Amino acid sequence: MGRGLEEYCAFKFSNIFHSVGSFSFSGSFLPHYTEVGRYCSIADGVSMFNFQHPLDRISTASFTYETNHSFINDASLKQINKIFSVKPHNLSSSIQKLNIQNDVWIGKDVLLKQGITLETGCVIGQRSVVTKDVPAYAIVAGVPAKIIRYRFDDKTIERLLKIKWWNYHFADFNDID
């Protein structure tokens, strides 16, 4: 990936730059750590899991790692520091790239875990919660999303992945059935 913005891609909502391939459309806000391949269709309401709170502390609440909230005044901070030390937690380090390969269709209101790869040709059913990588040409749905079936047989999938058809302009397929 790493292609930036290619020709003929479209965003319904976005004020953040991320990588999107030709002939892809997104009806959803996608965060900057997202890479989208070519010929992808992303419906409205698609969102990502948020950052990860630290799990190794007395509480997952932000008072254990961040002291700049309005509800933490100087007196509270002194009291907190008497009990235990506030250890900074770099929230941005917990953000992981979301990789959406080519010819991926993501249905409405899907929730995606950070750090996963949606491989070429896969389909994500609406309102699914995707917590793991999705294999090429798999159709997944549910909470959590599970493989329902594949779009094609193994031989056809292998051939499609080998020819990398998504590297061509759709006009090149004019005479193909």
Protein backbone atom coordinates (compact mmCIF):
# COMPACT_ATOMS: atom_id res chain seq x y z
CA MET A 1 0.00 0.00 0.00
CA GLY A 2 1.32 3.41 0.95
CA ARG A 3 -0.11 4.84 -2.26
CA GLY A 4 -1.68 8.05 -0.91
CA LEU A 5 -4.80 9.14 -2.79
CA GLU A 6 -5.24 7.60 -6.22
CA GLU A 7 -7.47 8.88 -9.00
CA TYR A 8 -11.21 8.22 -8.95
CA CYS A 9 -11.64 7.56 -5.23
CA ALA A 10 -14.41 9.21 -3.23
CA PHE A 11 -15.17 10.05 0.41
CA LYS A 12 -18.54 11.02 1.75
CA PHE A 13 -17.02 12.19 5.04
CA SER A 14 -13.39 12.89 5.81
CA ASN A 15 -11.13 15.65 6.90
CA ILE A 16 -8.17 13.36 7.54
CA PHE A 17 -5.68 12.16 4.96
CA HIS A 18 -5.24 8.41 4.59
CA SER A 19 -4.30 6.07 1.76
CA VAL A 20 -7.11 5.17 -0.67
CA GLY A 21 -6.86 3.35 -4.00
CA SER A 22 -8.60 4.05 -7.29
CA PHE A 23 -12.32 3.33 -7.69
CA SER A 24 -12.88 3.02 -3.94
CA PHE A 25 -15.71 4.78 -2.13
CA SER A 26 -16.23 5.39 1.56
CA GLY A 27 -19.44 6.61 3.13
CA SER A 28 -17.77 6.54 6.56
CA PHE A 29 -15.22 8.61 8.41
CA LEU A 30 -11.97 6.65 8.37
CA PRO A 31 -9.11 7.44 10.76
CA HIS A 32 -5.64 8.39 9.51
CA TYR A 33 -4.18 4.95 10.26
CA THR A 34 -6.41 3.30 7.63
CA GLU A 35 -5.16 2.07 4.26
CA VAL A 36 -7.80 1.27 1.63
CA GLY A 37 -7.00 -0.58 -1.60
CA ARG A 38 -8.68 -0.32 -4.97
CA TYR A 39 -12.32 -1.08 -5.87
CA CYS A 40 -13.50 -1.03 -2.24
CA SER A 41 -17.04 -0.13 -1.15
CA ILE A 42 -17.39 1.11 2.41
CA ALA A 43 -20.91 1.86 3.62
CA ASP A 44 -22.09 4.49 6.11
CA GLY A 45 -21.52 3.99 9.82
CA VAL A 46 -18.33 1.92 9.67
CA SER A 47 -16.19 2.63 12.74
CA MET A 48 -13.09 1.38 14.55
CA PHE A 49 -12.50 0.24 18.11
CA ASN A 50 -11.02 3.08 20.13
CA PHE A 51 -7.58 3.08 21.77
CA GLN A 52 -6.75 0.51 24.44
CA HIS A 53 -6.78 1.51 28.09
CA PRO A 54 -3.99 -0.03 30.19
CA LEU A 55 -5.16 -3.25 31.83
CA ASP A 56 -2.28 -3.72 34.28
CA ARG A 57 -3.33 -1.04 36.78
CA ILE A 58 -5.69 -0.82 39.73
CA SER A 59 -8.22 0.78 37.40
CA THR A 60 -8.68 1.22 33.67
CA ALA A 61 -9.92 4.76 34.38
CA SER A 62 -7.81 7.60 33.06
CA PHE A 63 -6.77 8.89 36.51
CA THR A 64 -4.11 6.13 36.55
CA TYR A 65 -2.33 7.48 33.48
CA GLU A 66 -3.51 11.01 32.74
CA THR A 67 -3.75 13.96 35.10
CA ASN A 68 -4.95 16.75 32.83
CA HIS A 69 -8.69 16.14 33.20
CA SER A 70 -10.81 18.95 34.60
CA PHE A 71 -12.02 16.75 37.47
CA ILE A 72 -8.45 16.23 38.73
CA ASN A 73 -7.41 19.37 40.58
CA ASP A 74 -4.11 19.94 42.39
CA ALA A 75 -5.45 18.57 45.69
CA SER A 76 -6.74 15.42 44.01
CA LEU A 77 -3.45 14.93 42.19
CA LYS A 78 -1.49 15.14 45.46
CA GLN A 79 -3.83 12.58 47.01
CA ILE A 80 -3.50 10.26 43.99
CA ASN A 81 0.29 10.54 44.13
CA LYS A 82 0.27 9.57 47.84
CA ILE A 83 -1.57 6.36 47.00
CA PHE A 84 0.38 5.40 43.88
CA SER A 85 2.34 7.02 41.10
CA VAL A 86 0.55 8.01 37.92
CA LYS A 87 2.27 6.20 35.05
CA PRO A 88 1.85 7.86 31.68
CA HIS A 89 0.22 5.70 29.03
CA ASN A 90 0.88 6.60 25.42
CA LEU A 91 -2.57 6.16 23.90
CA SER A 92 -1.27 6.73 20.38
CA SER A 93 1.11 3.78 20.76
CA SER A 94 -1.91 1.50 21.15
CA ILE A 95 -3.30 2.58 17.76
CA GLN A 96 -2.66 -0.02 15.06
CA LYS A 97 -3.07 0.32 11.30
CA LEU A 98 -6.24 -0.96 9.68
CA ASN A 99 -5.46 -2.53 6.30
CA ILE A 100 -8.34 -2.85 3.84
CA GLN A 101 -6.98 -4.55 0.73
CA ASN A 102 -8.66 -4.53 -2.72
CA ASP A 103 -12.27 -5.25 -3.77
CA VAL A 104 -13.47 -5.25 -0.16
CA TRP A 105 -17.12 -4.52 0.60
CA ILE A 106 -17.90 -3.37 4.14
CA GLY A 107 -21.59 -3.16 5.04
CA LYS A 108 -23.39 -0.49 7.07
CA ASP A 109 -22.57 0.03 10.76
CA VAL A 110 -19.68 -2.44 10.91
CA LEU A 111 -17.26 -2.17 13.86
CA LEU A 112 -13.62 -3.04 13.09
CA LYS A 113 -10.80 -3.78 15.50
CA GLN A 114 -7.60 -1.85 14.91
CA GLY A 115 -4.62 -3.77 13.53
CA ILE A 116 -6.59 -6.22 11.40
CA THR A 117 -6.38 -6.88 7.67
CA LEU A 118 -9.43 -7.28 5.48
CA GLU A 119 -7.97 -9.27 2.62
CA THR A 120 -8.80 -8.82 -1.04
CA GLY A 121 -12.34 -9.65 -2.12
CA CYS A 122 -13.83 -10.15 1.33
CA VAL A 123 -17.33 -9.02 2.27
CA ILE A 124 -18.33 -7.85 5.76
CA GLY A 125 -22.05 -8.12 6.55
CA GLN A 126 -23.78 -5.08 8.02
CA ARG A 127 -23.59 -4.53 11.78
CA SER A 128 -20.84 -7.12 12.17
CA VAL A 129 -18.06 -6.78 14.73
CA VAL A 130 -14.77 -7.82 13.14
CA THR A 131 -12.03 -8.73 15.64
CA LYS A 132 -9.68 -10.80 13.44
CA ASP A 133 -8.17 -10.72 9.97
CA VAL A 134 -10.64 -11.73 7.25
CA PRO A 135 -9.28 -14.07 4.53
CA ALA A 136 -9.40 -13.27 0.83
CA TYR A 137 -12.88 -13.61 -0.69
CA ALA A 138 -14.48 -14.69 2.61
CA ILE A 139 -17.98 -13.47 3.47
CA VAL A 140 -18.25 -12.79 7.20
CA ALA A 141 -21.08 -11.61 9.43
CA GLY A 142 -22.14 -11.57 13.06
CA VAL A 143 -20.96 -10.58 16.52
CA PRO A 144 -18.18 -11.51 16.49
CA ALA A 145 -17.93 -11.88 12.71
CA LYS A 146 -17.50 -15.45 11.49
CA ILE A 147 -16.95 -16.87 8.02
CA ILE A 148 -20.31 -17.69 6.41
CA ARG A 149 -18.84 -18.88 3.11
CA TYR A 150 -16.45 -17.84 0.36
CA ARG A 151 -17.41 -15.91 -2.76
CA PHE A 152 -15.63 -18.42 -5.03
CA ASP A 153 -14.05 -21.86 -4.92
CA ASP A 154 -10.36 -22.18 -3.94
CA LYS A 155 -9.13 -22.47 -7.53
CA THR A 156 -10.94 -19.30 -8.64
CA ILE A 157 -9.68 -17.38 -5.59
CA GLU A 158 -6.13 -18.47 -6.34
CA ARG A 159 -6.45 -17.34 -9.96
CA LEU A 160 -7.96 -13.96 -9.02
CA LEU A 161 -5.20 -13.28 -6.51
CA LYS A 162 -2.56 -14.32 -9.04
CA ILE A 163 -3.72 -12.01 -11.86
CA LYS A 164 -4.18 -9.01 -9.50
CA TRP A 165 -7.07 -7.71 -11.58
CA TRP A 166 -7.50 -4.67 -9.31
CA ASN A 167 -4.33 -3.16 -10.79
CA TYR A 168 -6.27 -2.46 -14.00
CA HIS A 169 -8.80 0.19 -14.96
CA PHE A 170 -12.35 -1.20 -15.07
CA ALA A 171 -12.61 -0.21 -18.75
CA ASP A 172 -10.02 -2.93 -19.46
CA PHE A 173 -12.68 -5.52 -18.55
CA ASN A 174 -15.13 -4.42 -21.23
CA ASP A 175 -15.17 -7.76 -23.09
CA ILE A 176 -14.90 -10.07 -20.07
CA ASP A 177 -17.92 -12.07 -18.86
